[in-house]
Amino acid sequence: MRNKFLFLSIAILTLSSCNELLVYSEYKPVKEAKWEMGQDVDFQFSELDSTQTYNLFINIRNDDNFAFSNLFLITELEYPSGNTVKDTLEYRMAEPNGEWLGKGMGSVKENKLWFKENIDFPDSGVYKVNISHAMRKNGDVEGLHVLEGITDVGLEIEKAPKL
């Protein structure tokens, strides 16, 4: 009887900790944790409530082979109409002392990075998000052809909390 109560308590806590605002979450693995220049990571979603606003996040999992303290990404958000919004984003991935930011135990850390805040999706149809890296070494004009240490790239969409 005591084991059943303990199991039930754990199950309730686990279910109640789920994010009720989350409406979309997907991860794409990066082959051998080597993200090639020009290799877009693509996501597609549709059927979001046009009266709701949303927050978009890019999730990055990196391991100890990631040799940088920041990450530059190029993102494109394409609307069903074909209109595209393109951004170049910079994210801090490590403290000045080299300690990784993000969550996780062991050598893999996960960072939930702000992408878009309080955005609406007024059109019906398929929206597309393309993400590519724009990393280069200091002093180099040419970008890195292969960025090592990124194991997964994800996209999350959450309902923006009503204030």
C-alpha atoms as a PDB file:
ATOM      1  CA  MET A   1       0.000   0.000   0.000  1.00  0.00           C
ATOM      2  CA  ARG A   2       2.804   2.393   0.901  1.00  0.00           C
ATOM      3  CA  ASN A   3       4.567   1.709  -2.435  1.00  0.00           C
ATOM      4  CA  LYS A   4       1.382   2.502  -4.342  1.00  0.00           C
ATOM      5  CA  PHE A   5       1.010   5.811  -2.502  1.00  0.00           C
ATOM      6  CA  LEU A   6       4.645   6.697  -3.203  1.00  0.00           C
ATOM      7  CA  PHE A   7       4.285   5.799  -6.893  1.00  0.00           C
ATOM      8  CA  LEU A   8       1.052   7.820  -7.172  1.00  0.00           C
ATOM      9  CA  SER A   9       2.689  10.838  -5.499  1.00  0.00           C
ATOM     10  CA  ILE A  10       5.657  10.718  -7.882  1.00  0.00           C
ATOM     11  CA  ALA A  11       3.352  10.378 -10.900  1.00  0.00           C
ATOM     12  CA  ILE A  12       1.280  13.397  -9.833  1.00  0.00           C
ATOM     13  CA  LEU A  13       4.393  15.514  -9.275  1.00  0.00           C
ATOM     14  CA  THR A  14       5.806  14.487 -12.641  1.00  0.00           C
ATOM     15  CA  LEU A  15       2.622  15.311 -14.536  1.00  0.00           C
ATOM     16  CA  SER A  16       2.076  18.599 -12.730  1.00  0.00           C
ATOM     17  CA  SER A  17       5.590  19.764 -13.621  1.00  0.00           C
ATOM     18  CA  CYS A  18       4.856  19.574 -17.358  1.00  0.00           C
ATOM     19  CA  ASN A  19       4.853  22.898 -19.159  1.00  0.00           C
ATOM     20  CA  GLU A  20       1.208  23.727 -19.881  1.00  0.00           C
ATOM     21  CA  LEU A  21       2.261  26.594 -22.158  1.00  0.00           C
ATOM     22  CA  LEU A  22       4.245  24.352 -24.532  1.00  0.00           C
ATOM     23  CA  VAL A  23       2.533  23.859 -27.920  1.00  0.00           C
ATOM     24  CA  TYR A  24       5.443  22.636 -30.091  1.00  0.00           C
ATOM     25  CA  SER A  25       8.798  21.020 -29.372  1.00  0.00           C
ATOM     26  CA  GLU A  26      11.117  19.245 -31.769  1.00  0.00           C
ATOM     27  CA  TYR A  27      14.821  18.419 -31.827  1.00  0.00           C
ATOM     28  CA  LYS A  28      17.021  17.507 -34.762  1.00  0.00           C
ATOM     29  CA  PRO A  29      20.318  15.704 -34.162  1.00  0.00           C
ATOM     30  CA  VAL A  30      23.494  17.056 -35.728  1.00  0.00           C
ATOM     31  CA  LYS A  31      25.311  14.161 -37.377  1.00  0.00           C
ATOM     32  CA  GLU A  32      28.394  13.230 -35.349  1.00  0.00           C
ATOM     33  CA  ALA A  33      28.076  16.600 -33.520  1.00  0.00           C
ATOM     34  CA  LYS A  34      29.666  18.321 -36.541  1.00  0.00           C
ATOM     35  CA  TRP A  35      27.420  21.068 -37.889  1.00  0.00           C
ATOM     36  CA  GLU A  36      28.483  21.924 -41.420  1.00  0.00           C
ATOM     37  CA  MET A  37      28.307  25.458 -42.795  1.00  0.00           C
ATOM     38  CA  GLY A  38      25.212  25.874 -44.934  1.00  0.00           C
ATOM     39  CA  GLN A  39      23.539  22.822 -43.384  1.00  0.00           C
ATOM     40  CA  ASP A  40      20.219  24.298 -42.274  1.00  0.00           C
ATOM     41  CA  VAL A  41      18.233  22.715 -39.497  1.00  0.00           C
ATOM     42  CA  ASP A  42      14.602  23.023 -40.616  1.00  0.00           C
ATOM     43  CA  PHE A  43      11.350  22.981 -38.649  1.00  0.00           C
ATOM     44  CA  GLN A  44       7.741  23.253 -39.814  1.00  0.00           C
ATOM     45  CA  PHE A  45       4.588  23.885 -37.819  1.00  0.00           C
ATOM     46  CA  SER A  46       0.992  24.922 -38.420  1.00  0.00           C
ATOM     47  CA  GLU A  47      -2.428  25.196 -36.804  1.00  0.00           C
ATOM     48  CA  LEU A  48      -1.533  27.693 -34.089  1.00  0.00           C
ATOM     49  CA  ASP A  49      -4.259  29.841 -32.570  1.00  0.00           C
ATOM     50  CA  SER A  50      -4.207  33.163 -34.456  1.00  0.00           C
ATOM     51  CA  THR A  51      -5.598  35.023 -31.426  1.00  0.00           C
ATOM     52  CA  GLN A  52      -2.763  33.874 -29.150  1.00  0.00           C
ATOM     53  CA  THR A  53       0.768  35.268 -28.864  1.00  0.00           C
ATOM     54  CA  TYR A  54       3.739  32.947 -28.547  1.00  0.00           C
ATOM     55  CA  ASN A  55       7.353  32.851 -27.429  1.00  0.00           C
ATOM     56  CA  LEU A  56       9.826  30.934 -29.590  1.00  0.00           C
ATOM     57  CA  PHE A  57      13.008  29.361 -28.281  1.00  0.00           C
ATOM     58  CA  ILE A  58      15.978  27.723 -29.955  1.00  0.00           C
ATOM     59  CA  ASN A  59      17.321  24.821 -27.927  1.00  0.00           C
ATOM     60  CA  ILE A  60      20.970  23.910 -28.352  1.00  0.00           C
ATOM     61  CA  ARG A  61      22.686  20.864 -26.904  1.00  0.00           C
ATOM     62  CA  ASN A  62      26.469  21.052 -26.879  1.00  0.00           C
ATOM     63  CA  ASP A  63      29.239  18.845 -25.568  1.00  0.00           C
ATOM     64  CA  ASP A  64      32.798  19.558 -24.457  1.00  0.00           C
ATOM     65  CA  ASN A  65      34.018  19.628 -28.080  1.00  0.00           C
ATOM     66  CA  PHE A  66      32.321  23.013 -28.556  1.00  0.00           C
ATOM     67  CA  ALA A  67      35.329  25.350 -28.490  1.00  0.00           C
ATOM     68  CA  PHE A  68      33.604  28.735 -28.156  1.00  0.00           C
ATOM     69  CA  SER A  69      32.028  30.838 -25.420  1.00  0.00           C
ATOM     70  CA  ASN A  70      29.329  32.175 -27.754  1.00  0.00           C
ATOM     71  CA  LEU A  71      27.258  30.988 -30.685  1.00  0.00           C
ATOM     72  CA  PHE A  72      26.166  32.932 -33.761  1.00  0.00           C
ATOM     73  CA  LEU A  73      23.088  31.689 -35.615  1.00  0.00           C
ATOM     74  CA  ILE A  74      21.244  32.820 -38.717  1.00  0.00           C
ATOM     75  CA  THR A  75      17.517  32.193 -38.514  1.00  0.00           C
ATOM     76  CA  GLU A  76      14.753  32.518 -41.059  1.00  0.00           C
ATOM     77  CA  LEU A  77      11.070  32.501 -40.172  1.00  0.00           C
ATOM     78  CA  GLU A  78       8.990  31.956 -43.302  1.00  0.00           C
ATOM     79  CA  TYR A  79       5.267  32.701 -43.225  1.00  0.00           C
ATOM     80  CA  PRO A  80       2.727  30.748 -45.316  1.00  0.00           C
ATOM     81  CA  SER A  81       2.510  33.800 -47.617  1.00  0.00           C
ATOM     82  CA  GLY A  82       6.206  33.429 -48.455  1.00  0.00           C
ATOM     83  CA  ASN A  83       7.319  36.493 -46.484  1.00  0.00           C
ATOM     84  CA  THR A  84      10.536  35.771 -44.588  1.00  0.00           C
ATOM     85  CA  VAL A  85      12.103  37.394 -41.541  1.00  0.00           C
ATOM     86  CA  LYS A  86      15.844  36.781 -41.285  1.00  0.00           C
ATOM     87  CA  ASP A  87      17.896  37.415 -38.125  1.00  0.00           C
ATOM     88  CA  THR A  88      21.510  37.014 -37.058  1.00  0.00           C
ATOM     89  CA  LEU A  89      21.596  36.092 -33.380  1.00  0.00           C
ATOM     90  CA  GLU A  90      24.369  35.792 -30.808  1.00  0.00           C
ATOM     91  CA  TYR A  91      24.070  33.681 -27.664  1.00  0.00           C
ATOM     92  CA  ARG A  92      26.462  33.342 -24.745  1.00  0.00           C
ATOM     93  CA  MET A  93      27.256  29.684 -24.113  1.00  0.00           C
ATOM     94  CA  ALA A  94      29.891  29.852 -21.338  1.00  0.00           C
ATOM     95  CA  GLU A  95      30.988  31.982 -18.427  1.00  0.00           C
ATOM     96  CA  PRO A  96      34.282  33.901 -18.738  1.00  0.00           C
ATOM     97  CA  ASN A  97      35.958  31.179 -16.647  1.00  0.00           C
ATOM     98  CA  GLY A  98      34.926  28.545 -19.239  1.00  0.00           C
ATOM     99  CA  GLU A  99      32.067  27.012 -17.227  1.00  0.00           C
ATOM    100  CA  TRP A 100      29.225  25.988 -19.536  1.00  0.00           C
ATOM    101  CA  LEU A 101      25.884  27.689 -19.242  1.00  0.00           C
ATOM    102  CA  GLY A 102      22.746  25.607 -19.597  1.00  0.00           C
ATOM    103  CA  LYS A 103      21.337  22.593 -17.862  1.00  0.00           C
ATOM    104  CA  GLY A 104      22.497  19.024 -17.768  1.00  0.00           C
ATOM    105  CA  MET A 105      24.847  16.672 -16.062  1.00  0.00           C
ATOM    106  CA  GLY A 106      28.008  15.356 -17.578  1.00  0.00           C
ATOM    107  CA  SER A 107      29.503  16.631 -20.784  1.00  0.00           C
ATOM    108  CA  VAL A 108      26.261  17.609 -22.588  1.00  0.00           C
ATOM    109  CA  LYS A 109      24.552  20.885 -21.726  1.00  0.00           C
ATOM    110  CA  GLU A 110      21.226  22.161 -23.013  1.00  0.00           C
ATOM    111  CA  ASN A 111      20.533  25.860 -23.522  1.00  0.00           C
ATOM    112  CA  LYS A 112      17.053  27.289 -24.038  1.00  0.00           C
ATOM    113  CA  LEU A 113      17.666  30.481 -26.008  1.00  0.00           C
ATOM    114  CA  TRP A 114      15.145  33.250 -26.712  1.00  0.00           C
ATOM    115  CA  PHE A 115      14.309  33.544 -30.411  1.00  0.00           C
ATOM    116  CA  LYS A 116      11.054  35.555 -30.721  1.00  0.00           C
ATOM    117  CA  GLU A 117       8.903  37.067 -27.990  1.00  0.00           C
ATOM    118  CA  ASN A 118       5.152  37.777 -28.060  1.00  0.00           C
ATOM    119  CA  ILE A 119       4.775  36.881 -31.733  1.00  0.00           C
ATOM    120  CA  ASP A 120       1.495  35.978 -33.371  1.00  0.00           C
ATOM    121  CA  PHE A 121       0.823  33.715 -36.319  1.00  0.00           C
ATOM    122  CA  PRO A 122      -2.145  35.316 -38.117  1.00  0.00           C
ATOM    123  CA  ASP A 123      -2.058  33.236 -41.317  1.00  0.00           C
ATOM    124  CA  SER A 124      -3.287  29.693 -41.685  1.00  0.00           C
ATOM    125  CA  GLY A 125      -0.848  27.308 -43.300  1.00  0.00           C
ATOM    126  CA  VAL A 126       2.667  26.040 -42.731  1.00  0.00           C
ATOM    127  CA  TYR A 127       5.325  28.175 -41.056  1.00  0.00           C
ATOM    128  CA  LYS A 128       8.986  27.262 -41.506  1.00  0.00           C
ATOM    129  CA  VAL A 129      12.019  28.020 -39.366  1.00  0.00           C
ATOM    130  CA  ASN A 130      15.527  27.474 -40.762  1.00  0.00           C
ATOM    131  CA  ILE A 131      18.569  27.696 -38.497  1.00  0.00           C
ATOM    132  CA  SER A 132      22.220  27.662 -39.562  1.00  0.00           C
ATOM    133  CA  HIS A 133      25.397  28.556 -37.717  1.00  0.00           C
ATOM    134  CA  ALA A 134      27.502  31.597 -38.577  1.00  0.00           C
ATOM    135  CA  MET A 135      30.631  30.822 -36.565  1.00  0.00           C
ATOM    136  CA  ARG A 136      34.166  31.891 -37.378  1.00  0.00           C
ATOM    137  CA  LYS A 137      37.434  32.068 -35.489  1.00  0.00           C
ATOM    138  CA  ASN A 138      38.631  35.474 -34.266  1.00  0.00           C
ATOM    139  CA  GLY A 139      40.446  37.312 -37.033  1.00  0.00           C
ATOM    140  CA  ASP A 140      39.255  34.954 -39.775  1.00  0.00           C
ATOM    141  CA  VAL A 141      37.081  36.345 -42.539  1.00  0.00           C
ATOM    142  CA  GLU A 142      35.909  32.945 -43.701  1.00  0.00           C
ATOM    143  CA  GLY A 143      33.457  31.095 -41.484  1.00  0.00           C
ATOM    144  CA  LEU A 144      33.977  27.661 -39.975  1.00  0.00           C
ATOM    145  CA  HIS A 145      33.144  24.931 -42.450  1.00  0.00           C
ATOM    146  CA  VAL A 146      32.482  22.487 -39.610  1.00  0.00           C
ATOM    147  CA  LEU A 147      31.367  23.524 -36.132  1.00  0.00           C
ATOM    148  CA  GLU A 148      32.114  20.739 -33.674  1.00  0.00           C
ATOM    149  CA  GLY A 149      30.321  20.117 -30.404  1.00  0.00           C
ATOM    150  CA  ILE A 150      26.683  20.894 -31.249  1.00  0.00           C
ATOM    151  CA  THR A 151      24.798  17.622 -30.791  1.00  0.00           C
ATOM    152  CA  ASP A 152      21.179  18.747 -31.283  1.00  0.00           C
ATOM    153  CA  VAL A 153      19.214  21.792 -32.398  1.00  0.00           C
ATOM    154  CA  GLY A 154      15.632  22.249 -31.267  1.00  0.00           C
ATOM    155  CA  LEU A 155      12.704  24.603 -31.587  1.00  0.00           C
ATOM    156  CA  GLU A 156      10.096  25.215 -28.890  1.00  0.00           C
ATOM    157  CA  ILE A 157       6.945  27.293 -29.093  1.00  0.00           C
ATOM    158  CA  GLU A 158       5.112  28.291 -25.941  1.00  0.00           C
ATOM    159  CA  LYS A 159       1.999  30.337 -25.396  1.00  0.00           C
ATOM    160  CA  ALA A 160       3.040  33.747 -24.101  1.00  0.00           C
ATOM    161  CA  PRO A 161       1.696  34.212 -20.584  1.00  0.00           C
ATOM    162  CA  LYS A 162      -1.154  36.701 -20.344  1.00  0.00           C
ATOM    163  CA  LEU A 163      -0.192  39.664 -18.208  1.00  0.00           C
END
